[in-house]
C-alpha atoms as a PDB file:
ATOM      1  CA  MET A   1      56.259 -28.988  19.864  1.00  0.00           C
ATOM      2  CA  ARG A   2      54.386 -31.385  17.596  1.00  0.00           C
ATOM      3  CA  PHE A   3      50.607 -31.252  17.693  1.00  0.00           C
ATOM      4  CA  GLU A   4      50.245 -34.978  18.527  1.00  0.00           C
ATOM      5  CA  ILE A   5      52.459 -34.620  21.599  1.00  0.00           C
ATOM      6  CA  VAL A   6      50.543 -31.576  22.798  1.00  0.00           C
ATOM      7  CA  GLU A   7      47.229 -33.359  22.216  1.00  0.00           C
ATOM      8  CA  ARG A   8      48.395 -36.384  24.185  1.00  0.00           C
ATOM      9  CA  LYS A   9      49.516 -34.159  27.087  1.00  0.00           C
ATOM     10  CA  LEU A  10      46.140 -32.420  27.116  1.00  0.00           C
ATOM     11  CA  VAL A  11      44.254 -35.731  27.069  1.00  0.00           C
ATOM     12  CA  GLU A  12      46.412 -37.071  29.907  1.00  0.00           C
ATOM     13  CA  ALA A  13      45.771 -33.920  31.937  1.00  0.00           C
ATOM     14  CA  LEU A  14      42.020 -34.274  31.376  1.00  0.00           C
ATOM     15  CA  ILE A  15      42.070 -37.918  32.511  1.00  0.00           C
ATOM     16  CA  ILE A  16      44.136 -37.045  35.597  1.00  0.00           C
ATOM     17  CA  LEU A  17      41.664 -34.284  36.401  1.00  0.00           C
ATOM     18  CA  LEU A  18      38.784 -36.782  36.240  1.00  0.00           C
ATOM     19  CA  ILE A  19      40.586 -39.416  38.299  1.00  0.00           C
ATOM     20  CA  ASN A  20      41.427 -36.925  41.054  1.00  0.00           C
ATOM     21  CA  ALA A  21      38.001 -35.254  41.101  1.00  0.00           C
ATOM     22  CA  LYS A  22      36.492 -35.076  44.571  1.00  0.00           C
ATOM     23  CA  GLY A  23      32.984 -33.945  43.676  1.00  0.00           C
ATOM     24  CA  ARG A  24      30.335 -35.018  41.206  1.00  0.00           C
ATOM     25  CA  VAL A  25      30.943 -32.320  38.585  1.00  0.00           C
ATOM     26  CA  VAL A  26      34.142 -31.066  36.964  1.00  0.00           C
ATOM     27  CA  SER A  27      34.195 -27.813  35.034  1.00  0.00           C
ATOM     28  CA  ILE A  28      37.090 -27.107  32.708  1.00  0.00           C
ATOM     29  CA  LYS A  29      38.314 -24.076  30.827  1.00  0.00           C
ATOM     30  CA  ALA A  30      40.941 -24.201  28.110  1.00  0.00           C
ATOM     31  CA  THR A  31      43.333 -22.051  30.149  1.00  0.00           C
ATOM     32  CA  SER A  32      43.197 -24.310  33.180  1.00  0.00           C
ATOM     33  CA  LEU A  33      43.606 -27.459  31.065  1.00  0.00           C
ATOM     34  CA  ALA A  34      46.681 -26.005  29.336  1.00  0.00           C
ATOM     35  CA  LYS A  35      48.208 -25.105  32.706  1.00  0.00           C
ATOM     36  CA  LEU A  36      47.443 -28.556  34.107  1.00  0.00           C
ATOM     37  CA  ALA A  37      49.069 -30.203  31.084  1.00  0.00           C
ATOM     38  CA  GLY A  38      52.250 -28.224  31.738  1.00  0.00           C
ATOM     39  CA  LEU A  39      51.963 -26.128  28.591  1.00  0.00           C
ATOM     40  CA  GLY A  40      51.717 -22.824  30.427  1.00  0.00           C
ATOM     41  CA  THR A  41      49.610 -19.825  29.489  1.00  0.00           C
ATOM     42  CA  ASP A  42      51.025 -19.398  26.010  1.00  0.00           C
ATOM     43  CA  HIS A  43      48.304 -18.329  23.586  1.00  0.00           C
ATOM     44  CA  SER A  44      48.966 -21.208  21.180  1.00  0.00           C
ATOM     45  CA  ALA A  45      48.732 -23.753  24.020  1.00  0.00           C
ATOM     46  CA  ILE A  46      45.408 -22.305  25.162  1.00  0.00           C
ATOM     47  CA  LEU A  47      44.068 -22.416  21.591  1.00  0.00           C
ATOM     48  CA  ARG A  48      45.085 -26.055  21.249  1.00  0.00           C
ATOM     49  CA  ALA A  49      43.358 -26.881  24.534  1.00  0.00           C
ATOM     50  CA  ALA A  50      40.250 -25.004  23.373  1.00  0.00           C
ATOM     51  CA  ARG A  51      40.194 -26.942  20.100  1.00  0.00           C
ATOM     52  CA  LEU A  52      40.524 -30.231  21.957  1.00  0.00           C
ATOM     53  CA  LEU A  53      37.665 -29.365  24.322  1.00  0.00           C
ATOM     54  CA  GLN A  54      35.557 -28.215  21.391  1.00  0.00           C
ATOM     55  CA  LYS A  55      36.137 -31.500  19.523  1.00  0.00           C
ATOM     56  CA  LEU A  56      35.177 -33.499  22.601  1.00  0.00           C
ATOM     57  CA  SER A  57      32.078 -31.369  22.976  1.00  0.00           C
ATOM     58  CA  ARG A  58      31.088 -32.037  19.363  1.00  0.00           C
ATOM     59  CA  HIS A  59      31.381 -35.777  20.040  1.00  0.00           C
ATOM     60  CA  ASN A  60      29.153 -35.365  23.132  1.00  0.00           C
ATOM     61  CA  PHE A  61      31.834 -36.252  25.684  1.00  0.00           C
ATOM     62  CA  LEU A  62      31.593 -32.802  27.299  1.00  0.00           C
ATOM     63  CA  SER A  63      28.800 -30.301  27.608  1.00  0.00           C
ATOM     64  CA  THR A  64      29.086 -26.547  27.654  1.00  0.00           C
ATOM     65  CA  ALA A  65      27.909 -24.671  30.689  1.00  0.00           C
ATOM     66  CA  PRO A  66      26.152 -21.360  30.317  1.00  0.00           C
ATOM     67  CA  ASP A  67      28.619 -18.727  31.436  1.00  0.00           C
ATOM     68  CA  ILE A  68      27.178 -15.744  33.258  1.00  0.00           C
ATOM     69  CA  LYS A  69      29.920 -13.473  31.983  1.00  0.00           C
ATOM     70  CA  ARG A  70      29.559 -12.301  28.428  1.00  0.00           C
ATOM     71  CA  ASN A  71      33.070 -13.129  27.324  1.00  0.00           C
ATOM     72  CA  LYS A  72      34.320 -15.568  24.705  1.00  0.00           C
ATOM     73  CA  THR A  73      35.526 -18.145  27.216  1.00  0.00           C
ATOM     74  CA  TYR A  74      33.638 -21.433  27.300  1.00  0.00           C
ATOM     75  CA  ARG A  75      33.312 -23.588  30.393  1.00  0.00           C
ATOM     76  CA  TYR A  76      32.985 -27.296  29.704  1.00  0.00           C
ATOM     77  CA  VAL A  77      31.306 -29.592  32.221  1.00  0.00           C
ATOM     78  CA  LEU A  78      31.640 -33.279  32.943  1.00  0.00           C
ATOM     79  CA  LYS A  79      29.260 -34.960  35.370  1.00  0.00           C
ATOM     80  CA  GLU A  80      29.711 -38.144  37.335  1.00  0.00           C
ATOM     81  CA  ASP A  81      27.089 -39.904  35.182  1.00  0.00           C
ATOM     82  CA  ASP A  82      28.873 -39.136  31.885  1.00  0.00           C
ATOM     83  CA  GLU A  83      30.474 -41.931  29.899  1.00  0.00           C
ATOM     84  CA  LEU A  84      33.930 -40.316  29.840  1.00  0.00           C
ATOM     85  CA  TRP A  85      33.958 -39.906  33.629  1.00  0.00           C
ATOM     86  CA  GLN A  86      33.041 -43.574  34.155  1.00  0.00           C
ATOM     87  CA  LEU A  87      35.603 -44.790  31.626  1.00  0.00           C
ATOM     88  CA  ALA A  88      38.374 -42.651  33.120  1.00  0.00           C
ATOM     89  CA  ARG A  89      37.666 -44.032  36.579  1.00  0.00           C
ATOM     90  CA  ARG A  90      37.509 -47.677  35.433  1.00  0.00           C
ATOM     91  CA  ASP A  91      40.319 -47.786  32.878  1.00  0.00           C
ATOM     92  CA  PRO A  92      42.361 -44.578  32.416  1.00  0.00           C
ATOM     93  CA  GLU A  93      44.658 -46.007  29.729  1.00  0.00           C
ATOM     94  CA  ARG A  94      41.729 -47.121  27.597  1.00  0.00           C
ATOM     95  CA  ALA A  95      40.115 -43.702  28.054  1.00  0.00           C
ATOM     96  CA  LYS A  96      43.293 -41.968  26.826  1.00  0.00           C
ATOM     97  CA  GLU A  97      43.535 -44.179  23.762  1.00  0.00           C
ATOM     98  CA  LEU A  98      39.844 -43.712  22.957  1.00  0.00           C
ATOM     99  CA  LEU A  99      40.094 -39.920  23.164  1.00  0.00           C
ATOM    100  CA  VAL A 100      43.233 -39.773  21.037  1.00  0.00           C
ATOM    101  CA  LYS A 101      41.593 -42.054  18.464  1.00  0.00           C
ATOM    102  CA  ILE A 102      38.469 -39.873  18.339  1.00  0.00           C
ATOM    103  CA  LEU A 103      40.494 -36.682  18.031  1.00  0.00           C
ATOM    104  CA  HIS A 104      42.409 -37.999  15.009  1.00  0.00           C
ATOM    105  CA  ARG A 105      39.271 -38.647  12.948  1.00  0.00           C
END
């Protein structure tokens, strides 16, 4: 599958996760995002999801949560006050386009 298609699926899954969030904080791992996007637990899909989350973290859309376990898995956190959360709730299509545009820089 082409990288752009996979990226778009991951971004759509992230936006759907934010729209359907019931609480004030959403924590995301690459494995769960890949599963939610319908890519399964294939290692390459998880790596692509991890790269996407890492790029968003570098652009300050997500923050990393300290993980108690000492493994290599990162947990990314979005709070209700964050810009991405607010944008996803107000205008999901604009949020998708913004994220895809940022990821292609």
